[in-house]
Structures are given as C-alpha cells and as structure tokens.
Protein backbone atom coordinates (compact mmCIF):
# COMPACT_ATOMS: atom_id res chain seq x y z
CA MET A 1 101.57 82.26 87.83
CA SER A 2 102.53 80.56 84.89
CA GLU A 3 106.71 81.21 84.44
CA ALA A 4 105.53 83.44 81.63
CA VAL A 5 104.38 85.80 83.22
CA LYS A 6 106.39 86.16 86.26
CA PRO A 7 108.37 89.16 86.88
CA HIS A 8 112.57 88.34 86.84
CA LEU A 9 113.38 88.75 90.54
CA SER A 10 117.03 89.54 90.02
CA SER A 11 118.93 92.11 91.89
CA ALA A 12 119.10 94.73 88.67
CA HIS A 13 116.50 94.15 88.42
CA LEU A 14 114.56 95.63 91.79
CA LEU A 15 116.89 98.54 91.46
CA GLY A 16 115.90 99.79 88.68
CA LEU A 17 112.07 99.55 90.18
CA LEU A 18 114.02 101.25 92.87
CA ARG A 19 115.77 103.99 90.97
CA GLN A 20 112.09 104.78 88.59
CA MET A 21 110.44 105.33 92.30
CA VAL A 22 113.07 107.50 93.41
CA ARG A 23 112.96 109.28 90.24
CA ILE A 24 109.28 109.97 90.67
CA ARG A 25 109.22 111.26 94.55
CA ARG A 26 112.76 113.37 94.46
CA PHE A 27 111.20 114.68 91.59
CA GLU A 28 107.62 115.66 93.24
CA ALA A 29 109.93 116.81 96.06
CA LYS A 30 111.07 119.68 93.98
CA CYS A 31 107.74 120.62 91.88
CA ALA A 32 106.86 120.89 95.35
CA GLU A 33 109.62 123.54 95.83
CA LEU A 34 108.75 125.24 92.58
CA TYR A 35 105.39 126.02 93.24
CA GLN A 36 105.13 127.07 96.77
CA ALA A 37 108.46 129.71 94.39
CA GLU A 38 105.69 130.80 92.79
CA LYS A 39 107.60 128.91 89.77
CA ILE A 40 104.82 126.33 88.80
CA ARG A 41 101.76 127.53 89.20
CA GLY A 42 98.06 126.94 89.12
CA PHE A 43 96.93 123.16 90.58
CA LEU A 44 99.63 120.55 91.12
CA HIS A 45 98.51 116.86 92.47
CA LEU A 46 101.31 115.05 93.99
CA TYR A 47 101.73 111.67 93.15
CA ASP A 48 103.49 111.10 96.56
CA GLY A 49 103.70 107.24 98.18
CA GLU A 50 101.62 105.79 94.63
CA GLU A 51 104.68 105.43 93.13
CA ALA A 52 105.09 101.70 93.14
CA VAL A 53 102.07 101.48 91.12
CA ALA A 54 102.89 103.06 87.75
CA VAL A 55 106.86 101.44 88.13
CA GLY A 56 104.48 98.11 88.30
CA VAL A 57 102.29 98.37 85.96
CA GLU A 58 104.20 100.23 82.99
CA GLY A 59 107.18 97.52 83.30
CA GLN A 60 104.90 95.99 81.28
CA LEU A 61 104.14 97.92 78.86
CA ARG A 62 105.33 98.17 75.19
CA PRO A 63 105.85 100.33 73.18
CA GLU A 64 103.11 99.83 70.34
CA ASP A 65 100.42 100.51 73.85
CA SER A 66 98.68 103.50 75.21
CA ILE A 67 98.26 104.89 78.21
CA VAL A 68 95.62 107.52 79.23
CA SER A 69 96.60 108.78 82.81
CA THR A 70 95.05 111.38 85.79
CA TYR A 71 95.38 114.72 87.01
CA ARG A 72 98.22 113.30 89.43
CA GLU A 73 100.53 111.44 85.98
CA HIS A 74 103.67 113.00 86.48
CA GLY A 75 104.89 109.73 87.54
CA HIS A 76 103.21 107.59 84.96
CA ALA A 77 104.94 109.83 82.11
CA LEU A 78 108.56 109.71 83.93
CA VAL A 79 108.39 106.22 83.41
CA ARG A 80 106.37 105.28 79.92
CA GLY A 81 110.05 107.25 79.58
CA LEU A 82 109.10 111.25 78.46
CA SER A 83 111.86 113.31 78.95
CA MET A 84 112.48 114.54 82.44
CA ALA A 85 113.51 117.89 81.40
CA ALA A 86 110.66 118.03 79.40
CA VAL A 87 108.34 116.87 82.15
CA MET A 88 109.88 120.09 83.92
CA ALA A 89 109.37 122.53 80.71
CA GLU A 90 106.11 122.03 80.59
CA MET A 91 105.43 121.88 84.47
CA LEU A 92 106.83 125.54 84.21
CA GLY A 93 104.82 126.64 81.50
CA LYS A 94 107.89 126.61 78.86
CA ARG A 95 107.74 126.12 74.48
CA GLU A 96 110.39 123.34 75.66
CA GLY A 97 107.31 121.31 77.74
CA CYS A 98 106.14 118.24 76.32
CA SER A 99 102.57 120.02 75.93
CA ARG A 100 104.86 122.86 74.86
CA GLY A 101 104.06 124.71 78.10
CA ARG A 102 100.48 125.10 77.20
CA GLY A 103 98.74 122.27 79.26
CA GLY A 104 100.97 122.76 82.69
CA SER A 105 101.05 119.97 85.59
CA MET A 106 97.73 118.27 84.80
CA HIS A 107 98.12 118.02 80.97
CA ILE A 108 101.41 115.77 80.28
CA PHE A 109 101.32 114.57 76.23
CA ASP A 110 103.30 112.92 74.04
CA VAL A 111 102.26 111.07 71.25
CA ALA A 112 105.40 109.76 70.45
CA ALA A 113 105.66 107.46 73.32
CA ARG A 114 101.45 107.17 73.23
CA PHE A 115 100.96 108.76 76.68
CA TYR A 116 97.64 110.10 75.45
CA GLY A 117 97.58 112.92 78.33
CA GLY A 118 96.71 113.70 81.77
CA ASN A 119 93.02 114.69 82.04
CA ALA A 120 91.57 117.26 84.48
CA ILE A 121 88.14 115.81 84.23
CA VAL A 122 87.75 112.92 87.16
CA GLY A 123 86.83 109.74 85.18
CA GLY A 124 87.50 111.57 81.90
CA GLY A 125 90.38 109.34 80.72
CA LEU A 126 88.39 105.97 80.84
CA PRO A 127 86.13 106.53 77.43
CA LEU A 128 89.49 107.87 75.59
CA ALA A 129 90.83 104.85 76.69
CA VAL A 130 88.22 102.22 75.85
CA GLY A 131 88.78 104.44 71.85
CA LEU A 132 92.09 103.74 71.49
CA ALA A 133 91.71 99.80 72.30
CA LEU A 134 88.47 99.80 69.71
CA ALA A 135 90.17 102.08 67.14
CA THR A 136 93.61 99.36 67.85
CA ARG A 137 90.85 96.62 67.10
CA MET A 138 89.67 98.07 64.12
CA GLN A 139 93.35 98.27 62.82
CA ARG A 140 94.56 95.34 63.74
CA GLY A 141 96.86 97.15 65.09
CA PRO A 142 99.02 95.03 68.22
CA GLY A 143 98.88 97.28 71.45
CA ILE A 144 96.77 97.41 74.43
CA SER A 145 95.18 100.07 76.01
CA ALA A 146 96.40 101.10 80.02
CA CYS A 147 93.98 103.15 81.62
CA PHE A 148 95.09 104.70 84.73
CA PHE A 149 92.13 106.40 88.04
CA GLY A 150 91.29 106.76 90.84
CA ASP A 151 88.55 105.33 93.33
CA GLY A 152 86.23 108.34 92.69
CA ALA A 153 86.15 107.77 89.18
CA VAL A 154 84.63 104.88 89.86
CA ALA A 155 81.21 106.71 90.88
CA GLU A 156 80.99 108.53 87.82
CA GLY A 157 78.70 107.68 84.64
CA GLU A 158 81.61 107.21 82.26
CA PHE A 159 83.23 104.24 84.33
CA HIS A 160 79.55 102.56 84.04
CA GLU A 161 79.11 102.99 80.07
CA SER A 162 83.36 101.87 79.78
CA MET A 163 83.79 98.97 81.39
CA ASN A 164 80.38 97.71 79.97
CA LEU A 165 81.33 98.97 76.67
CA ALA A 166 85.18 97.13 77.20
CA ALA A 167 83.61 94.14 78.19
CA LEU A 168 81.01 94.47 75.58
CA TRP A 169 83.18 94.07 72.75
CA GLY A 170 86.17 92.18 74.46
CA LEU A 171 88.09 95.57 74.14
CA PRO A 172 92.06 94.88 75.00
CA VAL A 173 92.17 97.49 78.10
CA LEU A 174 93.69 97.38 81.50
CA PHE A 175 91.71 99.25 84.28
CA VAL A 176 93.66 100.35 86.80
CA CYS A 177 91.96 101.71 89.67
CA GLU A 178 94.27 103.69 92.19
CA ASN A 179 92.38 103.24 95.09
CA ASN A 180 93.86 105.91 97.70
CA LEU A 181 90.88 105.79 100.07
CA TYR A 182 90.01 108.90 98.89
CA ALA A 183 88.33 111.09 96.63
CA MET A 184 89.36 114.41 97.47
CA GLY A 185 88.70 114.79 100.36
CA THR A 186 86.06 112.24 100.93
CA ALA A 187 87.07 108.86 102.14
CA LEU A 188 85.80 106.00 99.81
CA ASP A 189 83.27 104.61 102.80
CA ARG A 190 81.16 108.02 103.10
CA ALA A 191 81.08 108.32 99.78
CA GLN A 192 79.60 105.19 97.87
CA ALA A 193 77.80 102.22 99.07
CA CYS A 194 79.15 99.33 97.96
CA THR A 195 83.70 99.96 98.60
CA ASP A 196 83.92 97.00 97.30
CA LEU A 197 85.59 98.35 93.28
CA ARG A 198 87.20 94.78 92.03
CA GLY A 199 83.13 93.87 92.36
CA ARG A 200 81.99 96.75 90.30
CA ALA A 201 84.20 95.24 87.37
CA GLU A 202 83.03 91.17 88.35
CA SER A 203 79.54 92.88 87.64
CA TYR A 204 80.07 93.08 83.77
CA GLY A 205 81.92 89.72 83.77
CA MET A 206 85.15 91.32 83.71
CA PRO A 207 87.98 89.35 85.17
CA ALA A 208 89.55 91.42 88.36
CA LEU A 209 92.37 91.99 90.53
CA THR A 210 93.63 93.11 94.01
CA VAL A 211 96.94 94.29 94.85
CA ASP A 212 98.89 95.73 97.10
CA GLY A 213 99.98 98.84 95.94
CA MET A 214 102.34 99.76 98.23
CA ASN A 215 104.50 96.46 96.98
CA VAL A 216 106.04 97.00 93.58
CA VAL A 217 107.08 93.54 93.11
CA ALA A 218 103.39 93.02 93.44
CA VAL A 219 101.81 95.06 91.19
CA GLU A 220 104.44 94.32 89.11
CA ALA A 221 103.21 90.34 89.21
CA GLY A 222 99.04 91.95 88.75
CA ALA A 223 100.28 93.43 86.19
CA ALA A 224 101.72 90.70 84.53
CA ARG A 225 98.86 88.38 84.92
CA ALA A 226 96.56 91.15 83.83
CA ILE A 227 98.06 91.98 80.64
CA ALA A 228 98.83 88.48 80.07
CA ALA A 229 95.23 87.45 79.90
CA ILE A 230 94.48 90.49 77.71
CA ARG A 231 97.22 90.03 75.44
CA SER A 232 95.98 86.39 74.68
CA GLY A 233 92.98 87.18 73.95
CA GLY A 234 90.49 87.83 77.24
CA GLY A 235 89.60 91.18 76.81
CA PRO A 236 89.54 93.90 79.30
CA PHE A 237 90.97 92.91 82.78
CA PHE A 238 89.83 95.27 86.10
CA LEU A 239 93.22 95.44 88.14
CA GLU A 240 92.83 97.36 92.12
CA CYS A 241 95.80 98.69 93.51
CA ARG A 242 95.21 99.05 96.65
CA THR A 243 97.47 102.23 97.82
CA TYR A 244 98.05 105.53 99.59
CA ARG A 245 99.17 109.09 98.82
CA PHE A 246 101.08 110.76 101.59
CA ARG A 247 100.78 114.34 100.75
CA ALA A 248 97.35 116.49 100.36
CA HIS A 249 95.22 115.86 97.77
CA SER A 250 96.81 119.16 95.72
CA MET A 251 98.78 122.16 97.57
CA PHE A 252 96.01 123.59 98.34
CA ASP A 253 94.54 121.23 100.40
CA ALA A 254 94.49 121.35 104.11
CA GLN A 255 93.38 117.93 104.78
CA LEU A 256 91.19 117.95 107.17
CA TYR A 257 89.91 115.18 107.16
CA ARG A 258 92.29 112.46 107.53
CA GLU A 259 94.42 112.11 111.05
CA ARG A 260 98.15 112.37 110.88
CA SER A 261 98.24 109.28 112.71
CA GLU A 262 96.67 107.80 109.51
CA VAL A 263 99.07 109.11 107.12
CA GLU A 264 101.49 108.11 109.54
CA ALA A 265 100.59 104.24 109.62
CA TRP A 266 100.94 104.52 105.46
CA ARG A 267 104.03 105.94 105.00
CA ALA A 268 105.83 103.20 107.61
CA ARG A 269 104.11 101.03 104.46
CA CYS A 270 106.18 103.38 101.58
CA PRO A 271 106.91 101.54 98.56
CA ILE A 272 110.56 103.01 98.37
CA ARG A 273 111.03 102.01 102.20
CA LEU A 274 109.74 98.51 101.42
CA LEU A 275 112.39 97.46 98.81
CA SER A 276 115.03 99.31 99.63
CA GLY A 277 114.91 97.32 102.91
CA TRP A 278 113.91 93.76 101.77
CA LEU A 279 116.85 94.66 98.88
CA GLN A 280 119.73 95.31 101.86
CA ASP A 281 118.17 92.83 104.35
CA SER A 282 117.91 89.61 101.71
CA GLY A 283 121.80 91.01 100.38
CA MET A 284 120.48 92.01 96.71
CA ALA A 285 121.96 95.51 97.50
CA HIS A 286 124.09 97.42 99.90
CA ALA A 287 123.33 101.00 101.08
CA GLY A 288 126.07 102.11 99.07
CA GLN A 289 124.47 101.41 95.60
CA ILE A 290 121.10 103.28 96.83
CA ALA A 291 123.03 105.64 97.12
CA ALA A 292 124.49 106.51 94.65
CA ILE A 293 121.15 105.61 92.69
CA GLU A 294 120.04 108.38 94.59
CA ALA A 295 123.03 110.78 93.56
CA ALA A 296 122.44 110.53 90.24
CA VAL A 297 118.61 111.02 90.43
CA ASP A 298 119.26 114.14 91.99
CA SER A 299 121.51 115.10 89.23
CA GLU A 300 118.96 114.61 87.39
CA ILE A 301 116.70 116.34 89.03
CA ALA A 302 119.11 119.66 88.90
CA GLU A 303 120.03 119.27 84.73
CA ALA A 304 116.22 118.81 84.78
CA THR A 305 115.05 121.64 86.56
CA ALA A 306 118.40 124.11 85.07
CA ALA A 307 117.04 123.02 81.56
CA ALA A 308 112.98 123.87 82.51
CA GLU A 309 113.94 127.60 84.26
CA ALA A 310 116.94 128.54 81.11
CA GLY A 311 113.62 127.73 78.99
CA GLU A 312 111.66 130.18 77.02
CA TRP A 313 108.22 131.73 77.21
CA GLU A 314 105.68 131.04 73.79
CA PRO A 315 105.84 134.24 72.14
CA VAL A 316 102.35 136.06 72.53
CA GLY A 317 101.79 135.74 69.10
CA ASP A 318 101.32 132.72 69.05
CA LEU A 319 98.82 132.08 71.63
CA ALA A 320 95.75 131.84 69.09
CA ARG A 321 97.54 129.18 67.43
CA ASP A 322 96.04 125.85 68.07
CA VAL A 323 92.52 127.07 69.08
CA TYR A 324 91.15 124.53 66.22
CA ALA A 325 92.25 121.85 64.85
CA GLY A 326 93.43 121.97 61.13
CA GLY A 327 96.46 124.80 61.75
CA ASP A 328 96.86 128.03 62.05
CA ARG A 329 93.23 129.71 62.23
CA GLN A 330 93.09 133.07 64.33
C-alpha cells in the first residue's frame, strides 16, 4: 500500500476512531432502552458489533461524496456528521428529526450531508448508489458514491444489475458489503451456494478486497486503498468487511438460529474492546483518556435524548404534506 493511502495511526487519530465507535454503541444502547419503554415504535435494527465498518470507511470519504445505507444505518448517519439530537428525534418520530419524524429508525436522511437514507428494502440502496454515481459522472462532479449493504443483499437481483452497470460504465462507486454471516435469521451458507462474496464482484471484472470488519484500522486501510483506486479513475470497487452483529436482527428477533456460544466467541473480538486494549497495551493511551471519552459520549446522548423527548409531534393537519412531489397538494 502506498504512503498516500495509509491511515495516519497517531494516538489522537486512534482515539478519534474509538470515540466514534463508542458513540454508536452507546447511542444504540439508549435506543434499545427507549424502544423497550415504547418511546421508539416500529422496527429497530441495531448495529452493535459492526461499528468498525462505518467508522473505518466513512472516515475516508469527503463531504462531496454520497452515502446510501440500509435499515441498520444509525451508526452510518452519526459518523457522517448528522446531529445526534436530530437522529434521536427522528427515532422518536418528532418533527425536529432529520426526516421530520416521518422516517423513523429505517429512513434516516439528510440531503445537506449527502446521506441519502437508510432503506427498508434489502439491496434497495444499490441501484440508488449507482444512479448517484452516474449523476456525478454526467455533471462532472468530484465525488464518489458509497453504498453499504449486508450479505443478504448479494442474493438479490438488484445487486447483480447494479454491479454490472457500475462495472460496464466505470462508475465511481464503493460497494461496502457488511458480511455479518446472517441475512435476518438465515446463515450465509444455508442460503447461497457460493459464499465467496468477493468473487461475485470479481466476476464482473471489478477489483475487490476482503478485510477484518472487527478491526477498525484494517477497515480504514482497506477503504483508503479502495477509495484511492476509485478516485484515480479505476471505476467501482467492492470492499467486503467480515463482521458480526452481537444483538438480534431486530428487536422482535428471538435469535433461535444461532448458538449463544457463537455470539460470545465473536464478542471476544469486539471492535471497541480490541482498539481500546491495543491503545493501552501499546502505551498510546491510558484508561483515563478512554474513560473521558465514554463520559463525554454519555453526556452527548443524555442531551440528545432530552432534546428529542422535548420535541414536538407533527400537527395532524400536516400529514398530507409531501405526499406528492412539488408542493403541499392534498
């Protein structure tokens, strides 16, 4: 890897990565608490365990780049820079939310941040990302398009259509597969005859790379390499991050499809624990610095939650707004 795409592993940089992962983990723990208190309604899919992917990839993106996510997108949104208060207000369905309370957990959106949403449809973000990249190409813009999706999306038709068009037209798209081994409750090897996901991309003549999705430094290095290739005009790139979700698929999932011992084995490779331990063992940080990060994050979450709970509900009279494009048609 060239020096130009190697992450700078200073103590300050690594503590910044740790802070972002802690923000995601603790924000979602609060969301689970609010869900159980029936303050968050509908579906809730948590990112617990996969934080290194969002943090490692998005740190290499620029403001002019576009991001398309999945229904497990809270972490992606926070790392992209969306206000935690706005995301929490959206979770609670308040009008101060980033989608004015209409999207909820699965539809976080912010056009100013070029964060083009979570998507409730498995694989639904793939063609959107290709379309955004095509628009950038046609407008001669500087950005690239980054699309996050799970291993289950690889079995969908739009995955193959999107990969084919991106490769055929040489579009600037970063395809990030968050391979957590399960599509809802179905293990990868029980649903797909070929579990070599990287090979799917290579079959379209697309460069591809597999990284340890539990190691934020490895993800960051892989993302830097992939994004550098895209920006140099190399066309699309497929980045497979092998990761694992510690919690159930959603809050309604009884998790009868995997053994507790499997979950605990993966928990031993928790990305937050790995980085925190390495920082302290190497002498690049001490326990007090990490405790200070955790305290600051807890304070941020408390303020965001208080602001969201004090927010307003959208007036009933406004519910027909934005149903049609182009105004307030009833």
